[in-house]
Amino acid sequence: MKLLRDLLDKQVVDREQVKIGKVDGLVAELRPGKPPRIVAIELGSITLARRLGARPGRWMAQLAAKLGGKRHGEPHRIDWHKVRDIGVDIEFDIDVRETSIFAWQDSLRDHVIGRIPGA
């Protein structure tokens, strides 16, 4: 498997086939005398900004923390051992409703969209 080609930017779904997002980054564990091992994937704007460089990554992390609180200053990670299937999509054995991945959407709906008359 060619990791970057086969995983990066692929659609991620939970066990109920709810689309969570796309793989924006991979987290590897470096082990002395052994090949690196993938331990997690990362999703979100912070990881996507880091692909452009360290400065855009820091800027996005600061912005996310300022807008959403300290817990949003880090990218969303899903442990690799929760992978169920790698096909057209990457299916993980998680329930997205039990994570904070959609927290920004919920906040936007409650604080902005909900205040628009007729919305």
N, C-alpha and C. Protein backbone atom coordinates (compact mmCIF):
# COMPACT_ATOMS: atom_id res chain seq x y z
N MET A 1 0.84 -1.17 0.00
CA MET A 1 0.00 0.00 0.00
C MET A 1 0.89 1.24 0.00
N LYS A 2 0.59 2.17 -0.87
CA LYS A 2 1.30 3.44 -0.89
C LYS A 2 0.46 4.42 -0.07
N LEU A 3 0.97 4.74 1.12
CA LEU A 3 0.17 5.47 2.11
C LEU A 3 -0.38 6.79 1.59
N LEU A 4 0.48 7.62 1.06
CA LEU A 4 -0.01 8.93 0.62
C LEU A 4 -1.03 8.80 -0.50
N ARG A 5 -0.77 7.96 -1.46
CA ARG A 5 -1.68 7.79 -2.58
C ARG A 5 -2.99 7.13 -2.15
N ASP A 6 -2.91 6.11 -1.31
CA ASP A 6 -4.08 5.31 -0.98
C ASP A 6 -4.89 5.84 0.20
N LEU A 7 -4.34 6.71 1.02
CA LEU A 7 -5.05 7.16 2.20
C LEU A 7 -5.34 8.67 2.24
N LEU A 8 -4.35 9.48 1.89
CA LEU A 8 -4.52 10.92 2.02
C LEU A 8 -5.65 11.42 1.14
N ASP A 9 -6.50 12.24 1.68
CA ASP A 9 -7.66 12.85 1.02
C ASP A 9 -8.80 11.87 0.72
N LYS A 10 -8.76 10.68 1.28
CA LYS A 10 -9.87 9.74 1.13
C LYS A 10 -10.98 10.08 2.12
N GLN A 11 -12.21 9.79 1.73
CA GLN A 11 -13.38 10.03 2.57
C GLN A 11 -13.36 9.08 3.78
N VAL A 12 -13.67 9.62 4.96
CA VAL A 12 -13.75 8.84 6.18
C VAL A 12 -15.22 8.75 6.59
N VAL A 13 -15.66 7.52 6.93
CA VAL A 13 -17.03 7.32 7.39
C VAL A 13 -17.00 6.56 8.71
N ASP A 14 -18.07 6.76 9.51
CA ASP A 14 -18.16 6.01 10.76
C ASP A 14 -18.88 4.69 10.52
N ARG A 15 -19.16 3.96 11.58
CA ARG A 15 -19.77 2.63 11.42
C ARG A 15 -21.17 2.68 10.84
N GLU A 16 -21.82 3.85 10.90
CA GLU A 16 -23.16 4.03 10.33
C GLU A 16 -23.11 4.64 8.92
N GLN A 17 -21.90 4.72 8.34
CA GLN A 17 -21.66 5.29 7.02
C GLN A 17 -21.90 6.80 6.96
N VAL A 18 -21.83 7.48 8.11
CA VAL A 18 -21.93 8.94 8.15
C VAL A 18 -20.58 9.50 7.74
N LYS A 19 -20.59 10.40 6.75
CA LYS A 19 -19.35 11.01 6.29
C LYS A 19 -18.82 11.96 7.35
N ILE A 20 -17.57 11.75 7.74
CA ILE A 20 -16.93 12.54 8.79
C ILE A 20 -16.07 13.63 8.18
N GLY A 21 -15.38 13.33 7.12
CA GLY A 21 -14.46 14.26 6.50
C GLY A 21 -13.48 13.48 5.64
N LYS A 22 -12.35 14.09 5.36
CA LYS A 22 -11.32 13.43 4.56
C LYS A 22 -10.04 13.34 5.37
N VAL A 23 -9.22 12.35 5.04
CA VAL A 23 -7.94 12.17 5.72
C VAL A 23 -7.04 13.33 5.32
N ASP A 24 -6.68 14.16 6.30
CA ASP A 24 -5.80 15.30 6.03
C ASP A 24 -4.36 15.03 6.42
N GLY A 25 -4.15 14.04 7.29
CA GLY A 25 -2.79 13.72 7.71
C GLY A 25 -2.70 12.35 8.34
N LEU A 26 -1.50 11.83 8.41
CA LEU A 26 -1.22 10.54 9.02
C LEU A 26 -0.26 10.75 10.18
N VAL A 27 -0.47 10.02 11.26
CA VAL A 27 0.41 10.08 12.42
C VAL A 27 1.16 8.77 12.49
N ALA A 28 2.48 8.85 12.45
CA ALA A 28 3.32 7.64 12.46
C ALA A 28 4.15 7.60 13.74
N GLU A 29 4.42 6.39 14.17
CA GLU A 29 5.29 6.16 15.31
C GLU A 29 6.63 5.69 14.76
N LEU A 30 7.69 6.38 15.14
CA LEU A 30 9.04 6.00 14.71
C LEU A 30 9.61 5.05 15.75
N ARG A 31 10.09 3.89 15.28
CA ARG A 31 10.61 2.87 16.17
C ARG A 31 12.04 2.54 15.77
N PRO A 32 12.97 2.52 16.72
CA PRO A 32 14.37 2.23 16.38
C PRO A 32 14.52 0.83 15.77
N GLY A 33 15.17 0.77 14.61
CA GLY A 33 15.44 -0.50 13.97
C GLY A 33 14.25 -1.15 13.28
N LYS A 34 13.11 -0.47 13.27
CA LYS A 34 11.91 -1.01 12.64
C LYS A 34 11.30 0.05 11.74
N PRO A 35 10.48 -0.37 10.79
CA PRO A 35 9.82 0.64 9.94
C PRO A 35 8.79 1.44 10.73
N PRO A 36 8.50 2.66 10.29
CA PRO A 36 7.47 3.46 10.97
C PRO A 36 6.13 2.74 10.93
N ARG A 37 5.29 3.03 11.92
CA ARG A 37 3.97 2.41 12.00
C ARG A 37 2.92 3.50 12.12
N ILE A 38 1.86 3.40 11.31
CA ILE A 38 0.76 4.37 11.37
C ILE A 38 -0.04 4.11 12.64
N VAL A 39 -0.26 5.15 13.45
CA VAL A 39 -1.01 4.99 14.70
C VAL A 39 -2.34 5.74 14.67
N ALA A 40 -2.49 6.72 13.78
CA ALA A 40 -3.74 7.50 13.73
C ALA A 40 -3.82 8.27 12.42
N ILE A 41 -5.03 8.74 12.13
CA ILE A 41 -5.21 9.69 11.04
C ILE A 41 -5.66 10.99 11.67
N GLU A 42 -5.43 12.09 10.98
CA GLU A 42 -5.88 13.40 11.45
C GLU A 42 -6.82 14.00 10.43
N LEU A 43 -7.84 14.69 10.96
CA LEU A 43 -8.84 15.37 10.14
C LEU A 43 -8.89 16.83 10.55
N GLY A 44 -9.24 17.68 9.63
CA GLY A 44 -9.55 19.05 9.99
C GLY A 44 -8.63 20.09 9.40
N SER A 45 -9.05 21.33 9.59
CA SER A 45 -8.38 22.47 8.98
C SER A 45 -6.96 22.68 9.52
N ILE A 46 -6.71 22.32 10.76
CA ILE A 46 -5.38 22.51 11.33
C ILE A 46 -4.37 21.62 10.59
N THR A 47 -4.71 20.36 10.43
CA THR A 47 -3.81 19.44 9.71
C THR A 47 -3.66 19.84 8.25
N LEU A 48 -4.76 20.25 7.65
CA LEU A 48 -4.71 20.70 6.26
C LEU A 48 -3.80 21.91 6.12
N ALA A 49 -3.87 22.84 7.06
CA ALA A 49 -2.99 24.02 7.02
C ALA A 49 -1.54 23.63 7.24
N ARG A 50 -1.29 22.63 8.08
CA ARG A 50 0.08 22.16 8.32
C ARG A 50 0.72 21.61 7.05
N ARG A 51 -0.10 21.11 6.13
CA ARG A 51 0.44 20.61 4.87
C ARG A 51 1.03 21.75 4.05
N LEU A 52 0.63 22.97 4.32
CA LEU A 52 1.17 24.14 3.64
C LEU A 52 2.43 24.68 4.31
N GLY A 53 2.67 24.24 5.55
CA GLY A 53 3.86 24.69 6.27
C GLY A 53 3.56 24.90 7.75
N ALA A 54 4.63 25.09 8.51
CA ALA A 54 4.50 25.25 9.96
C ALA A 54 3.73 26.52 10.34
N ARG A 55 4.02 27.61 9.67
CA ARG A 55 3.37 28.88 10.00
C ARG A 55 1.85 28.83 9.76
N PRO A 56 1.38 28.39 8.59
CA PRO A 56 -0.08 28.29 8.41
C PRO A 56 -0.72 27.33 9.42
N GLY A 57 -0.01 26.27 9.79
CA GLY A 57 -0.53 25.33 10.78
C GLY A 57 -0.70 25.97 12.14
N ARG A 58 0.29 26.74 12.58
CA ARG A 58 0.20 27.44 13.87
C ARG A 58 -0.91 28.47 13.84
N TRP A 59 -1.01 29.21 12.74
CA TRP A 59 -2.03 30.24 12.61
C TRP A 59 -3.43 29.62 12.70
N MET A 60 -3.65 28.52 12.00
CA MET A 60 -4.95 27.87 12.02
C MET A 60 -5.27 27.31 13.40
N ALA A 61 -4.28 26.74 14.08
CA ALA A 61 -4.49 26.21 15.43
C ALA A 61 -4.87 27.33 16.39
N GLN A 62 -4.20 28.48 16.28
CA GLN A 62 -4.53 29.62 17.14
C GLN A 62 -5.93 30.13 16.85
N LEU A 63 -6.28 30.23 15.58
CA LEU A 63 -7.61 30.70 15.20
C LEU A 63 -8.68 29.75 15.70
N ALA A 64 -8.48 28.44 15.53
CA ALA A 64 -9.46 27.45 15.97
C ALA A 64 -9.63 27.49 17.49
N ALA A 65 -8.52 27.65 18.23
CA ALA A 65 -8.60 27.72 19.68
C ALA A 65 -9.31 28.99 20.13
N LYS A 66 -9.07 30.08 19.42
CA LYS A 66 -9.72 31.35 19.78
C LYS A 66 -11.22 31.29 19.52
N LEU A 67 -11.62 30.70 18.40
CA LEU A 67 -13.03 30.64 18.05
C LEU A 67 -13.79 29.54 18.78
N GLY A 68 -13.13 28.40 19.00
CA GLY A 68 -13.85 27.26 19.55
C GLY A 68 -13.41 26.81 20.93
N GLY A 69 -12.41 27.46 21.50
CA GLY A 69 -11.90 27.03 22.79
C GLY A 69 -10.65 26.19 22.63
N LYS A 70 -9.96 26.00 23.75
CA LYS A 70 -8.66 25.33 23.74
C LYS A 70 -8.70 23.94 23.13
N ARG A 71 -9.79 23.19 23.36
CA ARG A 71 -9.85 21.81 22.84
C ARG A 71 -9.88 21.75 21.32
N HIS A 72 -10.25 22.85 20.67
CA HIS A 72 -10.28 22.88 19.21
C HIS A 72 -8.96 23.33 18.60
N GLY A 73 -7.96 23.58 19.44
CA GLY A 73 -6.65 24.00 18.97
C GLY A 73 -5.77 22.84 18.50
N GLU A 74 -6.30 21.62 18.57
CA GLU A 74 -5.60 20.43 18.11
C GLU A 74 -6.44 19.74 17.04
N PRO A 75 -5.79 19.09 16.07
CA PRO A 75 -6.56 18.38 15.04
C PRO A 75 -7.31 17.18 15.63
N HIS A 76 -8.33 16.75 14.94
CA HIS A 76 -9.08 15.56 15.35
C HIS A 76 -8.28 14.34 14.93
N ARG A 77 -8.09 13.41 15.87
CA ARG A 77 -7.36 12.17 15.58
C ARG A 77 -8.27 10.97 15.79
N ILE A 78 -8.12 10.01 14.91
CA ILE A 78 -8.82 8.74 15.05
C ILE A 78 -7.75 7.65 15.03
N ASP A 79 -7.76 6.82 16.08
CA ASP A 79 -6.76 5.76 16.20
C ASP A 79 -6.85 4.79 15.03
N TRP A 80 -5.70 4.38 14.54
CA TRP A 80 -5.62 3.50 13.39
C TRP A 80 -6.23 2.12 13.68
N HIS A 81 -6.15 1.68 14.93
CA HIS A 81 -6.68 0.35 15.24
C HIS A 81 -8.21 0.30 15.13
N LYS A 82 -8.85 1.43 14.91
CA LYS A 82 -10.30 1.46 14.73
C LYS A 82 -10.72 1.35 13.27
N VAL A 83 -9.77 1.13 12.37
CA VAL A 83 -10.10 0.95 10.95
C VAL A 83 -10.86 -0.35 10.78
N ARG A 84 -12.00 -0.27 10.09
CA ARG A 84 -12.79 -1.46 9.77
C ARG A 84 -12.51 -1.94 8.34
N ASP A 85 -12.44 -0.97 7.42
CA ASP A 85 -12.30 -1.33 6.01
C ASP A 85 -11.67 -0.17 5.25
N ILE A 86 -10.80 -0.50 4.32
CA ILE A 86 -10.23 0.50 3.41
C ILE A 86 -10.66 0.10 2.01
N GLY A 87 -11.54 0.90 1.44
CA GLY A 87 -12.02 0.67 0.08
C GLY A 87 -12.12 2.01 -0.60
N VAL A 88 -13.27 2.29 -1.19
CA VAL A 88 -13.50 3.62 -1.78
C VAL A 88 -13.43 4.66 -0.66
N ASP A 89 -14.04 4.33 0.49
CA ASP A 89 -13.97 5.15 1.69
C ASP A 89 -13.16 4.38 2.74
N ILE A 90 -12.74 5.09 3.78
CA ILE A 90 -12.10 4.43 4.92
C ILE A 90 -13.13 4.41 6.04
N GLU A 91 -13.53 3.22 6.43
CA GLU A 91 -14.55 3.08 7.47
C GLU A 91 -13.89 2.81 8.82
N PHE A 92 -14.29 3.60 9.82
CA PHE A 92 -13.77 3.44 11.17
C PHE A 92 -14.86 2.94 12.10
N ASP A 93 -14.48 2.17 13.09
CA ASP A 93 -15.41 1.65 14.08
C ASP A 93 -15.59 2.69 15.18
N ILE A 94 -16.22 3.81 14.82
CA ILE A 94 -16.54 4.86 15.78
C ILE A 94 -17.94 5.37 15.46
N ASP A 95 -18.52 6.08 16.42
CA ASP A 95 -19.79 6.77 16.20
C ASP A 95 -19.48 8.26 16.26
N VAL A 96 -19.63 8.95 15.15
CA VAL A 96 -19.24 10.36 15.07
C VAL A 96 -20.00 11.21 16.09
N ARG A 97 -21.19 10.77 16.49
CA ARG A 97 -21.97 11.53 17.47
C ARG A 97 -21.32 11.54 18.85
N GLU A 98 -20.41 10.60 19.10
CA GLU A 98 -19.71 10.51 20.38
C GLU A 98 -18.38 11.25 20.36
N THR A 99 -18.10 11.97 19.27
CA THR A 99 -16.85 12.72 19.15
C THR A 99 -17.16 14.21 19.09
N SER A 100 -16.12 15.02 19.05
CA SER A 100 -16.30 16.47 18.92
C SER A 100 -16.05 16.96 17.50
N ILE A 101 -16.01 16.02 16.55
CA ILE A 101 -15.68 16.38 15.17
C ILE A 101 -16.67 17.39 14.59
N PHE A 102 -17.95 17.23 14.88
CA PHE A 102 -18.96 18.14 14.34
C PHE A 102 -19.32 19.27 15.29
N ALA A 103 -18.55 19.47 16.35
CA ALA A 103 -18.88 20.48 17.36
C ALA A 103 -18.97 21.88 16.75
N TRP A 104 -18.06 22.21 15.83
CA TRP A 104 -18.08 23.55 15.23
C TRP A 104 -19.35 23.75 14.41
N GLN A 105 -19.83 22.70 13.74
CA GLN A 105 -21.06 22.81 12.97
C GLN A 105 -22.26 23.02 13.89
N ASP A 106 -22.27 22.29 15.00
CA ASP A 106 -23.36 22.44 15.97
C ASP A 106 -23.36 23.85 16.55
N SER A 107 -22.18 24.36 16.87
CA SER A 107 -22.06 25.70 17.42
C SER A 107 -22.52 26.75 16.41
N LEU A 108 -22.10 26.59 15.16
CA LEU A 108 -22.50 27.52 14.10
C LEU A 108 -24.02 27.51 13.93
N ARG A 109 -24.62 26.32 13.93
CA ARG A 109 -26.07 26.20 13.79
C ARG A 109 -26.79 26.89 14.95
N ASP A 110 -26.29 26.67 16.18
CA ASP A 110 -26.96 27.21 17.36
C ASP A 110 -26.78 28.72 17.52
N HIS A 111 -25.59 29.23 17.22
CA HIS A 111 -25.28 30.63 17.51
C HIS A 111 -25.41 31.59 16.33
N VAL A 112 -25.38 31.08 15.11
CA VAL A 112 -25.45 31.96 13.94
C VAL A 112 -26.69 31.66 13.10
N ILE A 113 -26.76 30.46 12.57
CA ILE A 113 -27.88 30.10 11.69
C ILE A 113 -29.21 30.20 12.42
N GLY A 114 -29.23 29.75 13.68
CA GLY A 114 -30.46 29.78 14.47
C GLY A 114 -31.02 31.18 14.71
N ARG A 115 -30.18 32.18 14.58
CA ARG A 115 -30.61 33.57 14.80
C ARG A 115 -31.11 34.26 13.54
N ILE A 116 -30.98 33.60 12.41
CA ILE A 116 -31.44 34.17 11.16
C ILE A 116 -32.95 33.94 11.04
N PRO A 117 -33.72 35.00 10.88
CA PRO A 117 -35.18 34.83 10.78
C PRO A 117 -35.55 33.93 9.61
N GLY A 118 -36.41 32.97 9.88
CA GLY A 118 -36.87 32.05 8.84
C GLY A 118 -35.96 30.89 8.58
N ALA A 119 -34.83 30.81 9.27
CA ALA A 119 -33.88 29.71 9.03
C ALA A 119 -34.28 28.47 9.80
